[in-house]
Amino acid sequence: MASNVGKLQDSCNLQRNLYETSLTDKIFKDDFRPLVVGCQCYTCTNHTRAYVHHLVNVGELLGKTLLMLHNLYHFLRFFEVIQLALEEGTFEKLQNMIATRHCN
């Protein structure tokens, strides 16, 4: 069992890179899209990757604050989905879907 857990963790670690973005990277200097296209959080609807890149690179606190708002928005949506699945009795189905989608 321990080896299966290790394999799952390794797989998830590789997948995690697909969902992480380092806004300190120079490629974002002239990227005027939102952090995540289609995201409705405050950061994505009001600021660009280039602006957040600038804020993060100069050490401006607002950069970290905007990233925190974006991440909190997604965490809250994720936990709303979990709560709904628990209420509807479909949590195991959700769990399997997440494992299949993000950790395989």
C-alpha atoms as a PDB file:
ATOM      1  CA  MET A   1       0.000   0.000   0.000  1.00  0.00           C
ATOM      2  CA  ALA A   2       2.803   2.437   0.873  1.00  0.00           C
ATOM      3  CA  SER A   3       4.319   2.047  -2.595  1.00  0.00           C
ATOM      4  CA  ASN A   4       0.975   2.922  -4.236  1.00  0.00           C
ATOM      5  CA  VAL A   5       0.727   6.053  -2.093  1.00  0.00           C
ATOM      6  CA  GLY A   6       4.262   6.983  -3.156  1.00  0.00           C
ATOM      7  CA  LYS A   7       3.422   6.460  -6.826  1.00  0.00           C
ATOM      8  CA  LEU A   8       0.298   8.593  -6.484  1.00  0.00           C
ATOM      9  CA  GLN A   9       2.275  11.348  -4.773  1.00  0.00           C
ATOM     10  CA  ASP A  10       4.958  11.282  -7.512  1.00  0.00           C
ATOM     11  CA  SER A  11       2.275  11.493 -10.178  1.00  0.00           C
ATOM     12  CA  CYS A  12       0.562  14.379  -8.411  1.00  0.00           C
ATOM     13  CA  ASN A  13       3.869  16.226  -8.030  1.00  0.00           C
ATOM     14  CA  LEU A  14       4.484  15.984 -11.774  1.00  0.00           C
ATOM     15  CA  GLN A  15       0.949  17.173 -12.533  1.00  0.00           C
ATOM     16  CA  ARG A  16       1.239  20.061 -10.084  1.00  0.00           C
ATOM     17  CA  ASN A  17       3.702  21.795 -12.406  1.00  0.00           C
ATOM     18  CA  LEU A  18       0.935  22.093 -15.001  1.00  0.00           C
ATOM     19  CA  TYR A  19      -1.094  24.200 -12.575  1.00  0.00           C
ATOM     20  CA  GLU A  20       1.635  26.401 -11.157  1.00  0.00           C
ATOM     21  CA  THR A  21       2.866  29.630 -12.680  1.00  0.00           C
ATOM     22  CA  SER A  22       5.862  31.656 -11.583  1.00  0.00           C
ATOM     23  CA  LEU A  23       5.053  35.266 -12.353  1.00  0.00           C
ATOM     24  CA  THR A  24       8.664  36.234 -11.731  1.00  0.00           C
ATOM     25  CA  ASP A  25       9.530  34.665 -15.105  1.00  0.00           C
ATOM     26  CA  LYS A  26      10.428  37.202 -17.816  1.00  0.00           C
ATOM     27  CA  ILE A  27       7.899  35.704 -20.249  1.00  0.00           C
ATOM     28  CA  PHE A  28       5.131  37.519 -18.347  1.00  0.00           C
ATOM     29  CA  LYS A  29       6.669  40.983 -18.780  1.00  0.00           C
ATOM     30  CA  ASP A  30       4.522  41.735 -21.831  1.00  0.00           C
ATOM     31  CA  ASP A  31       1.655  39.299 -21.209  1.00  0.00           C
ATOM     32  CA  PHE A  32      -1.525  41.347 -20.935  1.00  0.00           C
ATOM     33  CA  ARG A  33      -3.899  38.448 -20.326  1.00  0.00           C
ATOM     34  CA  PRO A  34      -5.464  37.726 -16.927  1.00  0.00           C
ATOM     35  CA  LEU A  35      -3.666  35.210 -14.704  1.00  0.00           C
ATOM     36  CA  VAL A  36      -6.171  32.560 -15.825  1.00  0.00           C
ATOM     37  CA  VAL A  37      -8.239  33.322 -18.902  1.00  0.00           C
ATOM     38  CA  GLY A  38     -11.916  33.077 -17.984  1.00  0.00           C
ATOM     39  CA  CYS A  39     -11.334  33.398 -14.224  1.00  0.00           C
ATOM     40  CA  GLN A  40     -13.807  35.733 -12.543  1.00  0.00           C
ATOM     41  CA  CYS A  41     -11.747  36.630  -9.457  1.00  0.00           C
ATOM     42  CA  TYR A  42     -10.928  40.251  -8.657  1.00  0.00           C
ATOM     43  CA  THR A  43      -7.315  39.874  -9.761  1.00  0.00           C
ATOM     44  CA  CYS A  44      -8.091  38.325 -13.136  1.00  0.00           C
ATOM     45  CA  THR A  45     -10.926  40.716 -13.954  1.00  0.00           C
ATOM     46  CA  ASN A  46      -8.915  43.830 -13.071  1.00  0.00           C
ATOM     47  CA  HIS A  47      -5.209  43.114 -13.634  1.00  0.00           C
ATOM     48  CA  THR A  48      -2.871  41.474 -16.138  1.00  0.00           C
ATOM     49  CA  ARG A  49      -0.057  38.987 -15.817  1.00  0.00           C
ATOM     50  CA  ALA A  50       2.369  41.753 -16.823  1.00  0.00           C
ATOM     51  CA  TYR A  51       1.191  44.020 -14.009  1.00  0.00           C
ATOM     52  CA  VAL A  52       1.320  41.296 -11.363  1.00  0.00           C
ATOM     53  CA  HIS A  53       4.724  40.225 -12.744  1.00  0.00           C
ATOM     54  CA  HIS A  54       5.981  43.780 -12.261  1.00  0.00           C
ATOM     55  CA  LEU A  55       4.594  44.010  -8.722  1.00  0.00           C
ATOM     56  CA  VAL A  56       6.101  40.679  -7.685  1.00  0.00           C
ATOM     57  CA  ASN A  57       9.510  41.460  -9.198  1.00  0.00           C
ATOM     58  CA  VAL A  58       9.833  44.828  -7.467  1.00  0.00           C
ATOM     59  CA  GLY A  59       8.720  43.328  -4.154  1.00  0.00           C
ATOM     60  CA  GLU A  60       5.504  45.320  -3.953  1.00  0.00           C
ATOM     61  CA  LEU A  61       3.123  43.885  -1.356  1.00  0.00           C
ATOM     62  CA  LEU A  62       0.181  44.399  -3.708  1.00  0.00           C
ATOM     63  CA  GLY A  63       1.576  41.657  -5.983  1.00  0.00           C
ATOM     64  CA  LYS A  64       1.377  39.030  -3.256  1.00  0.00           C
ATOM     65  CA  THR A  65      -2.025  40.355  -2.195  1.00  0.00           C
ATOM     66  CA  LEU A  66      -3.434  40.011  -5.720  1.00  0.00           C
ATOM     67  CA  LEU A  67      -2.042  36.478  -5.984  1.00  0.00           C
ATOM     68  CA  MET A  68      -3.558  35.637  -2.608  1.00  0.00           C
ATOM     69  CA  LEU A  69      -6.976  36.918  -3.744  1.00  0.00           C
ATOM     70  CA  HIS A  70      -6.761  34.802  -6.897  1.00  0.00           C
ATOM     71  CA  ASN A  71      -5.763  31.670  -4.971  1.00  0.00           C
ATOM     72  CA  LEU A  72      -8.426  32.184  -2.293  1.00  0.00           C
ATOM     73  CA  TYR A  73     -11.082  32.534  -4.982  1.00  0.00           C
ATOM     74  CA  HIS A  74     -10.109  29.133  -6.390  1.00  0.00           C
ATOM     75  CA  PHE A  75      -9.810  27.481  -2.971  1.00  0.00           C
ATOM     76  CA  LEU A  76     -13.285  28.737  -2.036  1.00  0.00           C
ATOM     77  CA  ARG A  77     -14.794  27.439  -5.307  1.00  0.00           C
ATOM     78  CA  PHE A  78     -13.092  24.083  -4.709  1.00  0.00           C
ATOM     79  CA  PHE A  79     -14.488  23.789  -1.175  1.00  0.00           C
ATOM     80  CA  GLU A  80     -17.962  24.811  -2.379  1.00  0.00           C
ATOM     81  CA  VAL A  81     -17.847  21.877  -4.803  1.00  0.00           C
ATOM     82  CA  ILE A  82     -16.744  19.550  -1.992  1.00  0.00           C
ATOM     83  CA  GLN A  83     -19.531  20.794   0.279  1.00  0.00           C
ATOM     84  CA  LEU A  84     -22.126  20.286  -2.445  1.00  0.00           C
ATOM     85  CA  ALA A  85     -20.835  16.771  -3.154  1.00  0.00           C
ATOM     86  CA  LEU A  86     -21.062  15.914   0.552  1.00  0.00           C
ATOM     87  CA  GLU A  87     -24.621  17.243   0.726  1.00  0.00           C
ATOM     88  CA  GLU A  88     -25.638  15.307  -2.386  1.00  0.00           C
ATOM     89  CA  GLY A  89     -23.842  12.121  -1.345  1.00  0.00           C
ATOM     90  CA  THR A  90     -21.552  12.211  -4.376  1.00  0.00           C
ATOM     91  CA  PHE A  91     -18.255  12.898  -2.622  1.00  0.00           C
ATOM     92  CA  GLU A  92     -16.679   9.560  -3.584  1.00  0.00           C
ATOM     93  CA  LYS A  93     -17.521  10.218  -7.235  1.00  0.00           C
ATOM     94  CA  LEU A  94     -15.949  13.701  -6.978  1.00  0.00           C
ATOM     95  CA  GLN A  95     -12.886  12.252  -5.261  1.00  0.00           C
ATOM     96  CA  ASN A  96     -12.407   9.682  -8.022  1.00  0.00           C
ATOM     97  CA  MET A  97     -12.866  12.330 -10.717  1.00  0.00           C
ATOM     98  CA  ILE A  98     -10.251  14.594  -9.127  1.00  0.00           C
ATOM     99  CA  ALA A  99      -7.783  11.726  -8.684  1.00  0.00           C
ATOM    100  CA  THR A 100      -8.285  10.612 -12.280  1.00  0.00           C
ATOM    101  CA  ARG A 101      -8.072  14.108 -13.714  1.00  0.00           C
ATOM    102  CA  HIS A 102      -5.167  15.514 -11.724  1.00  0.00           C
ATOM    103  CA  CYS A 103      -3.170  12.605 -10.362  1.00  0.00           C
ATOM    104  CA  ASN A 104      -2.856  10.064 -13.170  1.00  0.00           C
END
